[in-house]
Amino acid sequence: MPMYVHEEIKQKPTKMKAKIEEEVTAENSLRKKRVKKENEAYEKLVMLNEANEQELVARGVDTMTIKAETEKIYAEQKQSGKRKKSLK
């Protein structure tokens, strides 16, 4: 009567698999560093904007009027961009 021996065969990671995994982790690491730098830059920009706004308020400038005018100009530019696209 034949005997069957069942062994668990574990596949050892080949050099190619290890290299691919290393490249992926390095890429993820670089991506994380880039995202971190972008977040830091954005936070600095927000802080500068707040400081500028506080300085304008301290000098008595009406920032709400400036924001309204800026939004109006932005809306006009957006509309003119849509018109140019529809004319083409």
C-alpha atoms as a PDB file:
ATOM      1  CA  MET A   1       0.000   0.000   0.000  1.00  0.00           C
ATOM      2  CA  PRO A   2       1.541   3.323  -1.057  1.00  0.00           C
ATOM      3  CA  MET A   3       1.972   6.059   1.563  1.00  0.00           C
ATOM      4  CA  TYR A   4       1.413   9.678   0.727  1.00  0.00           C
ATOM      5  CA  VAL A   5       3.386  12.236   2.619  1.00  0.00           C
ATOM      6  CA  HIS A   6       1.888  15.697   2.581  1.00  0.00           C
ATOM      7  CA  GLU A   7       4.354  18.418   3.265  1.00  0.00           C
ATOM      8  CA  GLU A   8       3.580  22.039   3.317  1.00  0.00           C
ATOM      9  CA  ILE A   9       5.603  23.558   0.571  1.00  0.00           C
ATOM     10  CA  LYS A  10       6.447  27.143   1.288  1.00  0.00           C
ATOM     11  CA  GLN A  11       7.561  29.208  -1.593  1.00  0.00           C
ATOM     12  CA  LYS A  12      10.672  31.170  -0.777  1.00  0.00           C
ATOM     13  CA  PRO A  13      10.662  34.718  -2.081  1.00  0.00           C
ATOM     14  CA  THR A  14      12.899  34.972  -5.063  1.00  0.00           C
ATOM     15  CA  LYS A  15      15.323  37.773  -5.622  1.00  0.00           C
ATOM     16  CA  MET A  16      12.981  39.258  -8.208  1.00  0.00           C
ATOM     17  CA  LYS A  17      10.045  39.375  -5.806  1.00  0.00           C
ATOM     18  CA  ALA A  18      12.227  40.916  -3.117  1.00  0.00           C
ATOM     19  CA  LYS A  19      13.499  43.510  -5.566  1.00  0.00           C
ATOM     20  CA  ILE A  20       9.969  44.412  -6.684  1.00  0.00           C
ATOM     21  CA  GLU A  21       8.817  44.727  -3.079  1.00  0.00           C
ATOM     22  CA  GLU A  22      11.817  46.941  -2.316  1.00  0.00           C
ATOM     23  CA  GLU A  23      11.018  49.212  -5.266  1.00  0.00           C
ATOM     24  CA  VAL A  24       7.379  49.506  -4.193  1.00  0.00           C
ATOM     25  CA  THR A  25       8.274  50.399  -0.605  1.00  0.00           C
ATOM     26  CA  ALA A  26      10.845  52.934  -1.806  1.00  0.00           C
ATOM     27  CA  GLU A  27       8.260  54.486  -4.125  1.00  0.00           C
ATOM     28  CA  ASN A  28       5.701  54.670  -1.310  1.00  0.00           C
ATOM     29  CA  SER A  29       8.311  56.258   0.939  1.00  0.00           C
ATOM     30  CA  LEU A  30       9.087  58.924  -1.661  1.00  0.00           C
ATOM     31  CA  ARG A  31       5.375  59.552  -2.166  1.00  0.00           C
ATOM     32  CA  LYS A  32       4.876  59.987   1.581  1.00  0.00           C
ATOM     33  CA  LYS A  33       7.780  62.459   1.756  1.00  0.00           C
ATOM     34  CA  ARG A  34       6.382  64.459  -1.161  1.00  0.00           C
ATOM     35  CA  VAL A  35       2.892  64.555   0.361  1.00  0.00           C
ATOM     36  CA  LYS A  36       4.361  65.626   3.698  1.00  0.00           C
ATOM     37  CA  LYS A  37       6.269  68.492   2.028  1.00  0.00           C
ATOM     38  CA  GLU A  38       3.131  69.573   0.147  1.00  0.00           C
ATOM     39  CA  ASN A  39       1.096  69.553   3.366  1.00  0.00           C
ATOM     40  CA  GLU A  40       3.740  71.598   5.185  1.00  0.00           C
ATOM     41  CA  ALA A  41       3.855  74.119   2.334  1.00  0.00           C
ATOM     42  CA  TYR A  42       0.053  74.400   2.349  1.00  0.00           C
ATOM     43  CA  GLU A  43      -0.002  74.934   6.125  1.00  0.00           C
ATOM     44  CA  LYS A  44       2.626  77.686   5.805  1.00  0.00           C
ATOM     45  CA  LEU A  45       0.581  79.340   3.068  1.00  0.00           C
ATOM     46  CA  VAL A  46      -2.545  79.257   5.238  1.00  0.00           C
ATOM     47  CA  MET A  47      -0.603  80.796   8.125  1.00  0.00           C
ATOM     48  CA  LEU A  48       0.731  83.567   5.880  1.00  0.00           C
ATOM     49  CA  ASN A  49      -2.746  84.307   4.536  1.00  0.00           C
ATOM     50  CA  GLU A  50      -4.129  84.551   8.064  1.00  0.00           C
ATOM     51  CA  ALA A  51      -1.267  86.838   9.122  1.00  0.00           C
ATOM     52  CA  ASN A  52      -1.825  89.088   6.096  1.00  0.00           C
ATOM     53  CA  GLU A  53      -5.552  89.244   6.777  1.00  0.00           C
ATOM     54  CA  GLN A  54      -4.952  90.148  10.432  1.00  0.00           C
ATOM     55  CA  GLU A  55      -2.550  92.889   9.380  1.00  0.00           C
ATOM     56  CA  LEU A  56      -5.113  94.310   6.959  1.00  0.00           C
ATOM     57  CA  VAL A  57      -7.793  94.249   9.661  1.00  0.00           C
ATOM     58  CA  ALA A  58      -5.418  95.989  12.066  1.00  0.00           C
ATOM     59  CA  ARG A  59      -4.942  98.776   9.503  1.00  0.00           C
ATOM     60  CA  GLY A  60      -8.692  99.159   9.103  1.00  0.00           C
ATOM     61  CA  VAL A  61      -9.110  97.564   5.672  1.00  0.00           C
ATOM     62  CA  ASP A  62     -12.474  95.899   4.996  1.00  0.00           C
ATOM     63  CA  THR A  63     -11.455  92.364   4.038  1.00  0.00           C
ATOM     64  CA  MET A  64     -15.017  91.226   3.332  1.00  0.00           C
ATOM     65  CA  THR A  65     -15.270  93.723   0.464  1.00  0.00           C
ATOM     66  CA  ILE A  66     -11.981  92.502  -0.956  1.00  0.00           C
ATOM     67  CA  LYS A  67     -13.153  88.873  -0.763  1.00  0.00           C
ATOM     68  CA  ALA A  68     -16.440  89.737  -2.492  1.00  0.00           C
ATOM     69  CA  GLU A  69     -14.628  91.574  -5.296  1.00  0.00           C
ATOM     70  CA  THR A  70     -12.176  88.712  -5.726  1.00  0.00           C
ATOM     71  CA  GLU A  71     -14.988  86.158  -5.954  1.00  0.00           C
ATOM     72  CA  LYS A  72     -16.798  88.347  -8.481  1.00  0.00           C
ATOM     73  CA  ILE A  73     -13.688  88.622 -10.667  1.00  0.00           C
ATOM     74  CA  TYR A  74     -13.109  84.864 -10.406  1.00  0.00           C
ATOM     75  CA  ALA A  75     -16.701  84.150 -11.455  1.00  0.00           C
ATOM     76  CA  GLU A  76     -16.373  86.487 -14.453  1.00  0.00           C
ATOM     77  CA  GLN A  77     -13.140  84.799 -15.541  1.00  0.00           C
ATOM     78  CA  LYS A  78     -14.759  81.401 -15.200  1.00  0.00           C
ATOM     79  CA  GLN A  79     -17.736  82.493 -17.331  1.00  0.00           C
ATOM     80  CA  SER A  80     -15.479  83.991 -20.018  1.00  0.00           C
ATOM     81  CA  GLY A  81     -13.505  80.723 -20.114  1.00  0.00           C
ATOM     82  CA  LYS A  82     -16.713  78.761 -20.686  1.00  0.00           C
ATOM     83  CA  ARG A  83     -17.754  81.154 -23.436  1.00  0.00           C
ATOM     84  CA  LYS A  84     -14.420  80.748 -25.225  1.00  0.00           C
ATOM     85  CA  LYS A  85     -14.736  76.957 -25.079  1.00  0.00           C
ATOM     86  CA  SER A  86     -18.290  77.049 -26.440  1.00  0.00           C
ATOM     87  CA  LEU A  87     -17.244  79.291 -29.355  1.00  0.00           C
ATOM     88  CA  LYS A  88     -14.572  76.822 -30.517  1.00  0.00           C
END
